[in-house]
PDB file of N, CA and C in Angstrom:
ATOM      1  N   MET A   1      36.455 -24.393 -16.446  1.00  0.00           N
ATOM      2  CA  MET A   1      37.545 -25.053 -17.125  1.00  0.00           C
ATOM      3  C   MET A   1      37.654 -26.479 -16.583  1.00  0.00           C
ATOM      4  N   ASN A   2      37.636 -27.445 -17.462  1.00  0.00           N
ATOM      5  CA  ASN A   2      37.832 -28.833 -17.057  1.00  0.00           C
ATOM      6  C   ASN A   2      39.317 -29.175 -17.119  1.00  0.00           C
ATOM      7  N   VAL A   3      39.789 -29.880 -16.116  1.00  0.00           N
ATOM      8  CA  VAL A   3      41.192 -30.257 -16.024  1.00  0.00           C
ATOM      9  C   VAL A   3      41.331 -31.710 -16.471  1.00  0.00           C
ATOM     10  N   GLN A   4      42.121 -31.925 -17.516  1.00  0.00           N
ATOM     11  CA  GLN A   4      42.339 -33.275 -18.020  1.00  0.00           C
ATOM     12  C   GLN A   4      43.687 -33.793 -17.545  1.00  0.00           C
ATOM     13  N   LEU A   5      43.712 -35.068 -17.151  1.00  0.00           N
ATOM     14  CA  LEU A   5      44.949 -35.692 -16.701  1.00  0.00           C
ATOM     15  C   LEU A   5      45.548 -36.536 -17.816  1.00  0.00           C
ATOM     16  N   LYS A   6      46.861 -36.616 -17.811  1.00  0.00           N
ATOM     17  CA  LYS A   6      47.554 -37.447 -18.794  1.00  0.00           C
ATOM     18  C   LYS A   6      47.372 -38.917 -18.430  1.00  0.00           C
ATOM     19  N   PRO A   7      47.282 -39.796 -19.431  1.00  0.00           N
ATOM     20  CA  PRO A   7      47.184 -41.227 -19.137  1.00  0.00           C
ATOM     21  C   PRO A   7      48.527 -41.755 -18.626  1.00  0.00           C
ATOM     22  N   PRO A   8      48.506 -42.900 -17.943  1.00  0.00           N
ATOM     23  CA  PRO A   8      49.769 -43.468 -17.453  1.00  0.00           C
ATOM     24  C   PRO A   8      50.701 -43.802 -18.618  1.00  0.00           C
ATOM     25  N   GLY A   9      51.985 -43.569 -18.401  1.00  0.00           N
ATOM     26  CA  GLY A   9      52.985 -43.859 -19.422  1.00  0.00           C
ATOM     27  C   GLY A   9      53.505 -45.282 -19.312  1.00  0.00           C
ATOM     28  N   CYS A  10      54.501 -45.598 -20.119  1.00  0.00           N
ATOM     29  CA  CYS A  10      55.072 -46.951 -20.161  1.00  0.00           C
ATOM     30  C   CYS A  10      55.683 -47.352 -18.820  1.00  0.00           C
ATOM     31  N   VAL A  11      56.378 -46.425 -18.177  1.00  0.00           N
ATOM     32  CA  VAL A  11      57.025 -46.741 -16.907  1.00  0.00           C
ATOM     33  C   VAL A  11      55.980 -47.042 -15.840  1.00  0.00           C
ATOM     34  N   GLU A  12      54.892 -46.254 -15.828  1.00  0.00           N
ATOM     35  CA  GLU A  12      53.838 -46.502 -14.847  1.00  0.00           C
ATOM     36  C   GLU A  12      53.143 -47.836 -15.109  1.00  0.00           C
ATOM     37  N   ARG A  13      52.973 -48.192 -16.364  1.00  0.00           N
ATOM     38  CA  ARG A  13      52.352 -49.484 -16.681  1.00  0.00           C
ATOM     39  C   ARG A  13      53.249 -50.634 -16.276  1.00  0.00           C
ATOM     40  N   LEU A  14      54.545 -50.494 -16.495  1.00  0.00           N
ATOM     41  CA  LEU A  14      55.479 -51.523 -16.051  1.00  0.00           C
ATOM     42  C   LEU A  14      55.468 -51.613 -14.528  1.00  0.00           C
ATOM     43  N   GLY A  15      55.427 -50.458 -13.855  1.00  0.00           N
ATOM     44  CA  GLY A  15      55.345 -50.443 -12.395  1.00  0.00           C
ATOM     45  C   GLY A  15      54.081 -51.106 -11.888  1.00  0.00           C
ATOM     46  N   ALA A  16      52.986 -50.959 -12.631  1.00  0.00           N
ATOM     47  CA  ALA A  16      51.731 -51.603 -12.240  1.00  0.00           C
ATOM     48  C   ALA A  16      51.866 -53.116 -12.266  1.00  0.00           C
ATOM     49  N   VAL A  17      52.542 -53.619 -13.280  1.00  0.00           N
ATOM     50  CA  VAL A  17      52.738 -55.071 -13.378  1.00  0.00           C
ATOM     51  C   VAL A  17      53.684 -55.558 -12.286  1.00  0.00           C
ATOM     52  N   LEU A  18      54.788 -54.846 -12.113  1.00  0.00           N
ATOM     53  CA  LEU A  18      55.787 -55.284 -11.139  1.00  0.00           C
ATOM     54  C   LEU A  18      55.318 -55.125  -9.691  1.00  0.00           C
ATOM     55  N   SER A  19      54.362 -54.226  -9.451  1.00  0.00           N
ATOM     56  CA  SER A  19      53.863 -54.042  -8.088  1.00  0.00           C
ATOM     57  C   SER A  19      52.600 -54.873  -7.833  1.00  0.00           C
ATOM     58  N   PHE A  20      52.285 -55.769  -8.770  1.00  0.00           N
ATOM     59  CA  PHE A  20      51.102 -56.634  -8.662  1.00  0.00           C
ATOM     60  C   PHE A  20      49.814 -55.819  -8.512  1.00  0.00           C
ATOM     61  N   GLY A  21      49.744 -54.691  -9.213  1.00  0.00           N
ATOM     62  CA  GLY A  21      48.540 -53.880  -9.235  1.00  0.00           C
ATOM     63  C   GLY A  21      48.414 -52.857  -8.119  1.00  0.00           C
ATOM     64  N   LEU A  22      49.414 -52.736  -7.259  1.00  0.00           N
ATOM     65  CA  LEU A  22      49.320 -51.772  -6.160  1.00  0.00           C
ATOM     66  C   LEU A  22      49.574 -50.338  -6.621  1.00  0.00           C
ATOM     67  N   LEU A  23      50.449 -50.153  -7.577  1.00  0.00           N
ATOM     68  CA  LEU A  23      50.767 -48.806  -8.047  1.00  0.00           C
ATOM     69  C   LEU A  23      49.541 -48.081  -8.621  1.00  0.00           C
ATOM     70  N   PRO A  24      48.693 -48.735  -9.427  1.00  0.00           N
ATOM     71  CA  PRO A  24      47.495 -48.022  -9.901  1.00  0.00           C
ATOM     72  C   PRO A  24      46.550 -47.622  -8.771  1.00  0.00           C
ATOM     73  N   LEU A  25      46.479 -48.406  -7.713  1.00  0.00           N
ATOM     74  CA  LEU A  25      45.640 -48.046  -6.573  1.00  0.00           C
ATOM     75  C   LEU A  25      46.176 -46.800  -5.865  1.00  0.00           C
ATOM     76  N   VAL A  26      47.476 -46.735  -5.706  1.00  0.00           N
ATOM     77  CA  VAL A  26      48.091 -45.559  -5.089  1.00  0.00           C
ATOM     78  C   VAL A  26      47.905 -44.341  -5.983  1.00  0.00           C
ATOM     79  N   ARG A  27      48.108 -44.521  -7.281  1.00  0.00           N
ATOM     80  CA  ARG A  27      47.938 -43.414  -8.227  1.00  0.00           C
ATOM     81  C   ARG A  27      46.500 -42.896  -8.186  1.00  0.00           C
ATOM     82  N   ARG A  28      45.536 -43.787  -8.139  1.00  0.00           N
ATOM     83  CA  ARG A  28      44.136 -43.373  -8.104  1.00  0.00           C
ATOM     84  C   ARG A  28      43.824 -42.570  -6.844  1.00  0.00           C
ATOM     85  N   SER A  29      44.375 -43.002  -5.706  1.00  0.00           N
ATOM     86  CA  SER A  29      44.110 -42.260  -4.470  1.00  0.00           C
ATOM     87  C   SER A  29      44.765 -40.875  -4.493  1.00  0.00           C
ATOM     88  N   VAL A  30      45.918 -40.755  -5.113  1.00  0.00           N
ATOM     89  CA  VAL A  30      46.588 -39.459  -5.227  1.00  0.00           C
ATOM     90  C   VAL A  30      45.829 -38.556  -6.197  1.00  0.00           C
ATOM     91  N   MET A  31      45.360 -39.107  -7.294  1.00  0.00           N
ATOM     92  CA  MET A  31      44.670 -38.318  -8.315  1.00  0.00           C
ATOM     93  C   MET A  31      43.309 -37.810  -7.850  1.00  0.00           C
ATOM     94  N   ARG A  32      42.735 -38.413  -6.831  1.00  0.00           N
ATOM     95  CA  ARG A  32      41.424 -37.970  -6.343  1.00  0.00           C
ATOM     96  C   ARG A  32      41.474 -36.558  -5.757  1.00  0.00           C
ATOM     97  N   GLN A  33      42.665 -36.098  -5.353  1.00  0.00           N
ATOM     98  CA  GLN A  33      42.761 -34.744  -4.814  1.00  0.00           C
ATOM     99  C   GLN A  33      43.173 -33.732  -5.874  1.00  0.00           C
ATOM    100  N   TYR A  34      43.335 -34.151  -7.112  1.00  0.00           N
ATOM    101  CA  TYR A  34      43.658 -33.218  -8.192  1.00  0.00           C
ATOM    102  C   TYR A  34      42.398 -32.455  -8.593  1.00  0.00           C
ATOM    103  N   PRO A  35      42.550 -31.243  -9.097  1.00  0.00           N
ATOM    104  CA  PRO A  35      41.388 -30.483  -9.566  1.00  0.00           C
ATOM    105  C   PRO A  35      40.720 -31.186 -10.744  1.00  0.00           C
ATOM    106  N   ALA A  36      39.403 -31.166 -10.764  1.00  0.00           N
ATOM    107  CA  ALA A  36      38.635 -31.708 -11.886  1.00  0.00           C
ATOM    108  C   ALA A  36      38.024 -30.575 -12.703  1.00  0.00           C
ATOM    109  N   THR A  37      37.452 -29.600 -12.003  1.00  0.00           N
ATOM    110  CA  THR A  37      36.811 -28.465 -12.656  1.00  0.00           C
ATOM    111  C   THR A  37      37.175 -27.195 -11.909  1.00  0.00           C
ATOM    112  N   LEU A  38      37.500 -26.164 -12.662  1.00  0.00           N
ATOM    113  CA  LEU A  38      37.809 -24.864 -12.088  1.00  0.00           C
ATOM    114  C   LEU A  38      36.754 -23.876 -12.573  1.00  0.00           C
ATOM    115  N   THR A  39      36.067 -23.247 -11.634  1.00  0.00           N
ATOM    116  CA  THR A  39      35.072 -22.235 -11.981  1.00  0.00           C
ATOM    117  C   THR A  39      35.520 -20.903 -11.386  1.00  0.00           C
ATOM    118  N   ASP A  40      34.774 -19.857 -11.654  1.00  0.00           N
ATOM    119  CA  ASP A  40      35.125 -18.543 -11.106  1.00  0.00           C
ATOM    120  C   ASP A  40      34.943 -18.496  -9.592  1.00  0.00           C
ATOM    121  N   ASP A  41      34.107 -19.384  -9.033  1.00  0.00           N
ATOM    122  CA  ASP A  41      33.831 -19.378  -7.594  1.00  0.00           C
ATOM    123  C   ASP A  41      34.561 -20.463  -6.817  1.00  0.00           C
ATOM    124  N   THR A  42      34.737 -21.641  -7.415  1.00  0.00           N
ATOM    125  CA  THR A  42      35.266 -22.793  -6.669  1.00  0.00           C
ATOM    126  C   THR A  42      36.209 -23.638  -7.500  1.00  0.00           C
ATOM    127  N   MET A  43      36.963 -24.455  -6.775  1.00  0.00           N
ATOM    128  CA  MET A  43      37.749 -25.520  -7.363  1.00  0.00           C
ATOM    129  C   MET A  43      37.061 -26.817  -6.945  1.00  0.00           C
ATOM    130  N   ILE A  44      36.724 -27.644  -7.903  1.00  0.00           N
ATOM    131  CA  ILE A  44      36.084 -28.920  -7.612  1.00  0.00           C
ATOM    132  C   ILE A  44      37.114 -30.012  -7.841  1.00  0.00           C
ATOM    133  N   LEU A  45      37.390 -30.788  -6.793  1.00  0.00           N
ATOM    134  CA  LEU A  45      38.376 -31.851  -6.885  1.00  0.00           C
ATOM    135  C   LEU A  45      37.759 -33.097  -7.510  1.00  0.00           C
ATOM    136  N   ARG A  46      38.581 -34.051  -7.887  1.00  0.00           N
ATOM    137  CA  ARG A  46      38.108 -35.285  -8.505  1.00  0.00           C
ATOM    138  C   ARG A  46      37.319 -36.158  -7.536  1.00  0.00           C
ATOM    139  N   ASN A  47      37.470 -35.931  -6.239  1.00  0.00           N
ATOM    140  CA  ASN A  47      36.687 -36.692  -5.266  1.00  0.00           C
ATOM    141  C   ASN A  47      35.363 -35.998  -4.941  1.00  0.00           C
ATOM    142  N   GLY A  48      35.063 -34.883  -5.628  1.00  0.00           N
ATOM    143  CA  GLY A  48      33.803 -34.185  -5.456  1.00  0.00           C
ATOM    144  C   GLY A  48      33.834 -33.032  -4.469  1.00  0.00           C
ATOM    145  N   THR A  49      34.925 -32.845  -3.770  1.00  0.00           N
ATOM    146  CA  THR A  49      35.038 -31.759  -2.800  1.00  0.00           C
ATOM    147  C   THR A  49      35.068 -30.413  -3.519  1.00  0.00           C
ATOM    148  N   ARG A  50      34.272 -29.476  -3.010  1.00  0.00           N
ATOM    149  CA  ARG A  50      34.250 -28.113  -3.548  1.00  0.00           C
ATOM    150  C   ARG A  50      34.970 -27.198  -2.567  1.00  0.00           C
ATOM    151  N   ILE A  51      35.907 -26.419  -3.086  1.00  0.00           N
ATOM    152  CA  ILE A  51      36.657 -25.485  -2.252  1.00  0.00           C
ATOM    153  C   ILE A  51      36.534 -24.100  -2.873  1.00  0.00           C
ATOM    154  N   ALA A  52      35.991 -23.172  -2.108  1.00  0.00           N
ATOM    155  CA  ALA A  52      35.876 -21.794  -2.595  1.00  0.00           C
ATOM    156  C   ALA A  52      37.259 -21.169  -2.679  1.00  0.00           C
ATOM    157  N   TRP A  53      37.461 -20.324  -3.663  1.00  0.00           N
ATOM    158  CA  TRP A  53      38.771 -19.688  -3.824  1.00  0.00           C
ATOM    159  C   TRP A  53      39.138 -18.867  -2.585  1.00  0.00           C
ATOM    160  N   SER A  54      38.144 -18.301  -1.933  1.00  0.00           N
ATOM    161  CA  SER A  54      38.402 -17.488  -0.739  1.00  0.00           C
ATOM    162  C   SER A  54      38.857 -18.324   0.451  1.00  0.00           C
ATOM    163  N   ALA A  55      38.696 -19.649   0.396  1.00  0.00           N
ATOM    164  CA  ALA A  55      39.096 -20.526   1.502  1.00  0.00           C
ATOM    165  C   ALA A  55      40.599 -20.803   1.509  1.00  0.00           C
ATOM    166  N   PHE A  56      41.285 -20.535   0.416  1.00  0.00           N
ATOM    167  CA  PHE A  56      42.721 -20.813   0.357  1.00  0.00           C
ATOM    168  C   PHE A  56      43.488 -19.759   1.149  1.00  0.00           C
ATOM    169  N   THR A  57      44.438 -20.245   1.947  1.00  0.00           N
ATOM    170  CA  THR A  57      45.184 -19.351   2.828  1.00  0.00           C
ATOM    171  C   THR A  57      46.639 -19.161   2.404  1.00  0.00           C
ATOM    172  N   ARG A  58      47.210 -20.118   1.693  1.00  0.00           N
ATOM    173  CA  ARG A  58      48.579 -19.954   1.197  1.00  0.00           C
ATOM    174  C   ARG A  58      48.867 -20.987   0.124  1.00  0.00           C
ATOM    175  N   PHE A  59      49.940 -20.759  -0.606  1.00  0.00           N
ATOM    176  CA  PHE A  59      50.368 -21.725  -1.609  1.00  0.00           C
ATOM    177  C   PHE A  59      51.889 -21.734  -1.677  1.00  0.00           C
ATOM    178  N   ARG A  60      52.395 -22.820  -2.238  1.00  0.00           N
ATOM    179  CA  ARG A  60      53.839 -22.951  -2.447  1.00  0.00           C
ATOM    180  C   ARG A  60      54.046 -23.764  -3.718  1.00  0.00           C
ATOM    181  N   HIS A  61      55.063 -23.415  -4.457  1.00  0.00           N
ATOM    182  CA  HIS A  61      55.418 -24.225  -5.622  1.00  0.00           C
ATOM    183  C   HIS A  61      56.861 -24.683  -5.472  1.00  0.00           C
ATOM    184  N   THR A  62      57.117 -25.889  -5.948  1.00  0.00           N
ATOM    185  CA  THR A  62      58.443 -26.474  -5.853  1.00  0.00           C
ATOM    186  C   THR A  62      58.829 -27.037  -7.209  1.00  0.00           C
ATOM    187  N   ASP A  63      59.949 -26.586  -7.742  1.00  0.00           N
ATOM    188  CA  ASP A  63      60.464 -27.128  -9.001  1.00  0.00           C
ATOM    189  C   ASP A  63      61.301 -28.360  -8.700  1.00  0.00           C
ATOM    190  N   ALA A  64      61.097 -29.415  -9.474  1.00  0.00           N
ATOM    191  CA  ALA A  64      61.839 -30.664  -9.280  1.00  0.00           C
ATOM    192  C   ALA A  64      62.858 -30.830 -10.404  1.00  0.00           C
ATOM    193  N   TYR A  65      64.076 -31.152 -10.007  1.00  0.00           N
ATOM    194  CA  TYR A  65      65.163 -31.391 -10.955  1.00  0.00           C
ATOM    195  C   TYR A  65      65.774 -32.757 -10.692  1.00  0.00           C
ATOM    196  N   VAL A  66      66.149 -33.447 -11.770  1.00  0.00           N
ATOM    197  CA  VAL A  66      66.863 -34.714 -11.663  1.00  0.00           C
ATOM    198  C   VAL A  66      68.179 -34.537 -12.401  1.00  0.00           C
ATOM    199  N   GLN A  67      69.263 -34.593 -11.684  1.00  0.00           N
ATOM    200  CA  GLN A  67      70.605 -34.394 -12.221  1.00  0.00           C
ATOM    201  C   GLN A  67      70.697 -33.099 -13.036  1.00  0.00           C
ATOM    202  N   GLY A  68      70.120 -32.036 -12.480  1.00  0.00           N
ATOM    203  CA  GLY A  68      70.196 -30.728 -13.099  1.00  0.00           C
ATOM    204  C   GLY A  68      69.205 -30.481 -14.225  1.00  0.00           C
ATOM    205  N   VAL A  69      68.353 -31.453 -14.538  1.00  0.00           N
ATOM    206  CA  VAL A  69      67.370 -31.306 -15.607  1.00  0.00           C
ATOM    207  C   VAL A  69      65.987 -31.119 -14.989  1.00  0.00           C
ATOM    208  N   TYR A  70      65.285 -30.069 -15.414  1.00  0.00           N
ATOM    209  CA  TYR A  70      63.948 -29.781 -14.901  1.00  0.00           C
ATOM    210  C   TYR A  70      62.995 -30.918 -15.246  1.00  0.00           C
ATOM    211  N   VAL A  71      62.202 -31.360 -14.255  1.00  0.00           N
ATOM    212  CA  VAL A  71      61.238 -32.443 -14.469  1.00  0.00           C
ATOM    213  C   VAL A  71      59.808 -31.918 -14.408  1.00  0.00           C
ATOM    214  N   ASN A  72      59.452 -31.247 -13.327  1.00  0.00           N
ATOM    215  CA  ASN A  72      58.107 -30.706 -13.186  1.00  0.00           C
ATOM    216  C   ASN A  72      58.047 -29.739 -12.014  1.00  0.00           C
ATOM    217  N   THR A  73      56.863 -29.170 -11.814  1.00  0.00           N
ATOM    218  CA  THR A  73      56.605 -28.285 -10.687  1.00  0.00           C
ATOM    219  C   THR A  73      55.430 -28.846  -9.910  1.00  0.00           C
ATOM    220  N   THR A  74      55.550 -28.860  -8.590  1.00  0.00           N
ATOM    221  CA  THR A  74      54.465 -29.294  -7.721  1.00  0.00           C
ATOM    222  C   THR A  74      53.918 -28.073  -7.002  1.00  0.00           C
ATOM    223  N   TYR A  75      52.594 -27.921  -7.032  1.00  0.00           N
ATOM    224  CA  TYR A  75      51.924 -26.824  -6.349  1.00  0.00           C
ATOM    225  C   TYR A  75      51.194 -27.368  -5.131  1.00  0.00           C
ATOM    226  N   GLU A  76      51.378 -26.710  -4.003  1.00  0.00           N
ATOM    227  CA  GLU A  76      50.661 -27.049  -2.778  1.00  0.00           C
ATOM    228  C   GLU A  76      49.777 -25.877  -2.409  1.00  0.00           C
ATOM    229  N   LEU A  77      48.523 -26.165  -2.125  1.00  0.00           N
ATOM    230  CA  LEU A  77      47.555 -25.136  -1.763  1.00  0.00           C
ATOM    231  C   LEU A  77      46.942 -25.500  -0.420  1.00  0.00           C
ATOM    232  N   TRP A  78      47.029 -24.587   0.544  1.00  0.00           N
ATOM    233  CA  TRP A  78      46.430 -24.805   1.862  1.00  0.00           C
ATOM    234  C   TRP A  78      45.096 -24.093   1.918  1.00  0.00           C
ATOM    235  N   HIS A  79      44.113 -24.773   2.529  1.00  0.00           N
ATOM    236  CA  HIS A  79      42.794 -24.177   2.713  1.00  0.00           C
ATOM    237  C   HIS A  79      42.303 -24.513   4.106  1.00  0.00           C
ATOM    238  N   ALA A  80      41.136 -24.009   4.463  1.00  0.00           N
ATOM    239  CA  ALA A  80      40.623 -24.156   5.827  1.00  0.00           C
ATOM    240  C   ALA A  80      40.495 -25.618   6.258  1.00  0.00           C
ATOM    241  N   ALA A  81      40.189 -26.517   5.340  1.00  0.00           N
ATOM    242  CA  ALA A  81      39.975 -27.919   5.700  1.00  0.00           C
ATOM    243  C   ALA A  81      41.204 -28.798   5.481  1.00  0.00           C
ATOM    244  N   GLY A  82      42.301 -28.233   5.022  1.00  0.00           N
ATOM    245  CA  GLY A  82      43.491 -29.064   4.809  1.00  0.00           C
ATOM    246  C   GLY A  82      44.395 -28.515   3.727  1.00  0.00           C
ATOM    247  N   ARG A  83      44.933 -29.444   2.939  1.00  0.00           N
ATOM    248  CA  ARG A  83      45.931 -29.096   1.930  1.00  0.00           C
ATOM    249  C   ARG A  83      45.742 -30.004   0.731  1.00  0.00           C
ATOM    250  N   LEU A  84      46.016 -29.469  -0.443  1.00  0.00           N
ATOM    251  CA  LEU A  84      46.030 -30.302  -1.638  1.00  0.00           C
ATOM    252  C   LEU A  84      47.270 -29.965  -2.431  1.00  0.00           C
ATOM    253  N   HIS A  85      47.703 -30.894  -3.244  1.00  0.00           N
ATOM    254  CA  HIS A  85      48.852 -30.629  -4.109  1.00  0.00           C
ATOM    255  C   HIS A  85      48.647 -31.325  -5.438  1.00  0.00           C
ATOM    256  N   PHE A  86      49.231 -30.739  -6.468  1.00  0.00           N
ATOM    257  CA  PHE A  86      49.171 -31.350  -7.786  1.00  0.00           C
ATOM    258  C   PHE A  86      50.451 -31.041  -8.545  1.00  0.00           C
ATOM    259  N   SER A  87      50.779 -31.932  -9.448  1.00  0.00           N
ATOM    260  CA  SER A  87      51.996 -31.840 -10.229  1.00  0.00           C
ATOM    261  C   SER A  87      51.655 -31.440 -11.659  1.00  0.00           C
ATOM    262  N   THR A  88      52.454 -30.570 -12.231  1.00  0.00           N
ATOM    263  CA  THR A  88      52.219 -30.156 -13.609  1.00  0.00           C
ATOM    264  C   THR A  88      52.492 -31.291 -14.595  1.00  0.00           C
ATOM    265  N   ARG A  89      53.240 -32.271 -14.184  1.00  0.00           N
ATOM    266  CA  ARG A  89      53.575 -33.397 -15.060  1.00  0.00           C
ATOM    267  C   ARG A  89      52.352 -34.255 -15.371  1.00  0.00           C
ATOM    268  N   GLN A  90      51.365 -34.250 -14.499  1.00  0.00           N
ATOM    269  CA  GLN A  90      50.198 -35.105 -14.653  1.00  0.00           C
ATOM    270  C   GLN A  90      49.040 -34.440 -15.389  1.00  0.00           C
ATOM    271  N   ILE A  91      49.129 -33.139 -15.655  1.00  0.00           N
ATOM    272  CA  ILE A  91      48.015 -32.389 -16.230  1.00  0.00           C
ATOM    273  C   ILE A  91      48.305 -32.071 -17.695  1.00  0.00           C
ATOM    274  N   VAL A  92      47.290 -32.244 -18.546  1.00  0.00           N
ATOM    275  CA  VAL A  92      47.461 -32.055 -19.986  1.00  0.00           C
ATOM    276  C   VAL A  92      47.849 -30.614 -20.321  1.00  0.00           C
ATOM    277  N   ASP A  93      47.056 -29.631 -19.940  1.00  0.00           N
ATOM    278  CA  ASP A  93      47.350 -28.226 -20.236  1.00  0.00           C
ATOM    279  C   ASP A  93      47.733 -27.523 -18.929  1.00  0.00           C
ATOM    280  N   ALA A  94      48.873 -27.898 -18.389  1.00  0.00           N
ATOM    281  CA  ALA A  94      49.281 -27.451 -17.059  1.00  0.00           C
ATOM    282  C   ALA A  94      49.458 -25.939 -16.978  1.00  0.00           C
ATOM    283  N   ASP A  95      49.996 -25.311 -18.011  1.00  0.00           N
ATOM    284  CA  ASP A  95      50.216 -23.860 -17.969  1.00  0.00           C
ATOM    285  C   ASP A  95      48.906 -23.097 -17.810  1.00  0.00           C
ATOM    286  N   ALA A  96      47.883 -23.497 -18.553  1.00  0.00           N
ATOM    287  CA  ALA A  96      46.581 -22.827 -18.464  1.00  0.00           C
ATOM    288  C   ALA A  96      45.944 -23.062 -17.095  1.00  0.00           C
ATOM    289  N   VAL A  97      46.080 -24.264 -16.565  1.00  0.00           N
ATOM    290  CA  VAL A  97      45.511 -24.575 -15.251  1.00  0.00           C
ATOM    291  C   VAL A  97      46.198 -23.744 -14.167  1.00  0.00           C
ATOM    292  N   VAL A  98      47.513 -23.670 -14.208  1.00  0.00           N
ATOM    293  CA  VAL A  98      48.256 -22.907 -13.204  1.00  0.00           C
ATOM    294  C   VAL A  98      47.906 -21.419 -13.304  1.00  0.00           C
ATOM    295  N   ARG A  99      47.824 -20.884 -14.506  1.00  0.00           N
ATOM    296  CA  ARG A  99      47.432 -19.475 -14.679  1.00  0.00           C
ATOM    297  C   ARG A  99      46.040 -19.219 -14.102  1.00  0.00           C
ATOM    298  N   PHE A 100      45.110 -20.149 -14.347  1.00  0.00           N
ATOM    299  CA  PHE A 100      43.747 -19.993 -13.845  1.00  0.00           C
ATOM    300  C   PHE A 100      43.733 -20.030 -12.321  1.00  0.00           C
ATOM    301  N   VAL A 101      44.437 -21.006 -11.744  1.00  0.00           N
ATOM    302  CA  VAL A 101      44.469 -21.138 -10.281  1.00  0.00           C
ATOM    303  C   VAL A 101      45.091 -19.896  -9.651  1.00  0.00           C
ATOM    304  N   LEU A 102      46.240 -19.479 -10.131  1.00  0.00           N
ATOM    305  CA  LEU A 102      46.913 -18.323  -9.546  1.00  0.00           C
ATOM    306  C   LEU A 102      46.124 -17.035  -9.765  1.00  0.00           C
ATOM    307  N   GLY A 103      45.370 -16.969 -10.830  1.00  0.00           N
ATOM    308  CA  GLY A 103      44.547 -15.805 -11.083  1.00  0.00           C
ATOM    309  C   GLY A 103      43.321 -15.722 -10.187  1.00  0.00           C
ATOM    310  N   HIS A 104      42.910 -16.842  -9.599  1.00  0.00           N
ATOM    311  CA  HIS A 104      41.714 -16.861  -8.768  1.00  0.00           C
ATOM    312  C   HIS A 104      42.003 -16.976  -7.271  1.00  0.00           C
ATOM    313  N   LEU A 105      43.251 -17.192  -6.897  1.00  0.00           N
ATOM    314  CA  LEU A 105      43.587 -17.218  -5.473  1.00  0.00           C
ATOM    315  C   LEU A 105      43.435 -15.815  -4.892  1.00  0.00           C
ATOM    316  N   PRO A 106      43.086 -15.701  -3.618  1.00  0.00           N
ATOM    317  CA  PRO A 106      42.988 -14.369  -2.994  1.00  0.00           C
ATOM    318  C   PRO A 106      44.309 -13.613  -3.100  1.00  0.00           C
ATOM    319  N   ALA A 107      44.216 -12.304  -3.196  1.00  0.00           N
ATOM    320  CA  ALA A 107      45.406 -11.465  -3.380  1.00  0.00           C
ATOM    321  C   ALA A 107      46.391 -11.602  -2.233  1.00  0.00           C
ATOM    322  N   GLU A 108      45.894 -11.747  -1.002  1.00  0.00           N
ATOM    323  CA  GLU A 108      46.807 -11.869   0.145  1.00  0.00           C
ATOM    324  C   GLU A 108      47.584 -13.180   0.129  1.00  0.00           C
ATOM    325  N   VAL A 109      47.089 -14.180  -0.568  1.00  0.00           N
ATOM    326  CA  VAL A 109      47.784 -15.471  -0.671  1.00  0.00           C
ATOM    327  C   VAL A 109      48.961 -15.364  -1.626  1.00  0.00           C
ATOM    328  N   THR A 110      48.781 -14.637  -2.704  1.00  0.00           N
ATOM    329  CA  THR A 110      49.837 -14.537  -3.726  1.00  0.00           C
ATOM    330  C   THR A 110      50.679 -13.270  -3.592  1.00  0.00           C
ATOM    331  N   ALA A 111      50.390 -12.414  -2.628  1.00  0.00           N
ATOM    332  CA  ALA A 111      51.118 -11.154  -2.482  1.00  0.00           C
ATOM    333  C   ALA A 111      52.595 -11.397  -2.192  1.00  0.00           C
ATOM    334  N   GLY A 112      53.441 -10.714  -2.932  1.00  0.00           N
ATOM    335  CA  GLY A 112      54.876 -10.779  -2.677  1.00  0.00           C
ATOM    336  C   GLY A 112      55.538 -12.065  -3.139  1.00  0.00           C
ATOM    337  N   ARG A 113      54.850 -12.851  -3.940  1.00  0.00           N
ATOM    338  CA  ARG A 113      55.433 -14.105  -4.414  1.00  0.00           C
ATOM    339  C   ARG A 113      55.538 -14.100  -5.914  1.00  0.00           C
ATOM    340  N   ASN A 114      56.534 -14.780  -6.423  1.00  0.00           N
ATOM    341  CA  ASN A 114      56.687 -14.972  -7.844  1.00  0.00           C
ATOM    342  C   ASN A 114      56.431 -16.436  -8.145  1.00  0.00           C
ATOM    343  N   PRO A 115      55.172 -16.813  -8.484  1.00  0.00           N
ATOM    344  CA  PRO A 115      54.834 -18.214  -8.618  1.00  0.00           C
ATOM    345  C   PRO A 115      55.409 -18.901  -9.843  1.00  0.00           C
ATOM    346  N   GLU A 116      55.909 -18.176 -10.819  1.00  0.00           N
ATOM    347  CA  GLU A 116      56.404 -18.860 -12.009  1.00  0.00           C
ATOM    348  C   GLU A 116      57.843 -18.556 -12.246  1.00  0.00           C
TER     349      GLU A 116
END
């Protein structure tokens, strides 16, 4: 499964102009840790790193609200070499990606949790 990211919106483009081009650089560095391809064996990040599903040790999801209105969910995944996180707001088909990721995480990582 290929993971597609949403293009920058109007606010991000305005921020790029007002930050003299620094905001797109920060966005690019953050997006490099987002998943690019999900296979049955591994998650391949946009920076080329391959992480086997068995390497993940835990996950956490956090719902974000602004003045009581739901905005997005951020998922954090810990693995042997570190941690990655991604936001559902930035991914085109976020529901399918989250279902795929949660379906491929080891059972002991998702045991006793209600991820959605």
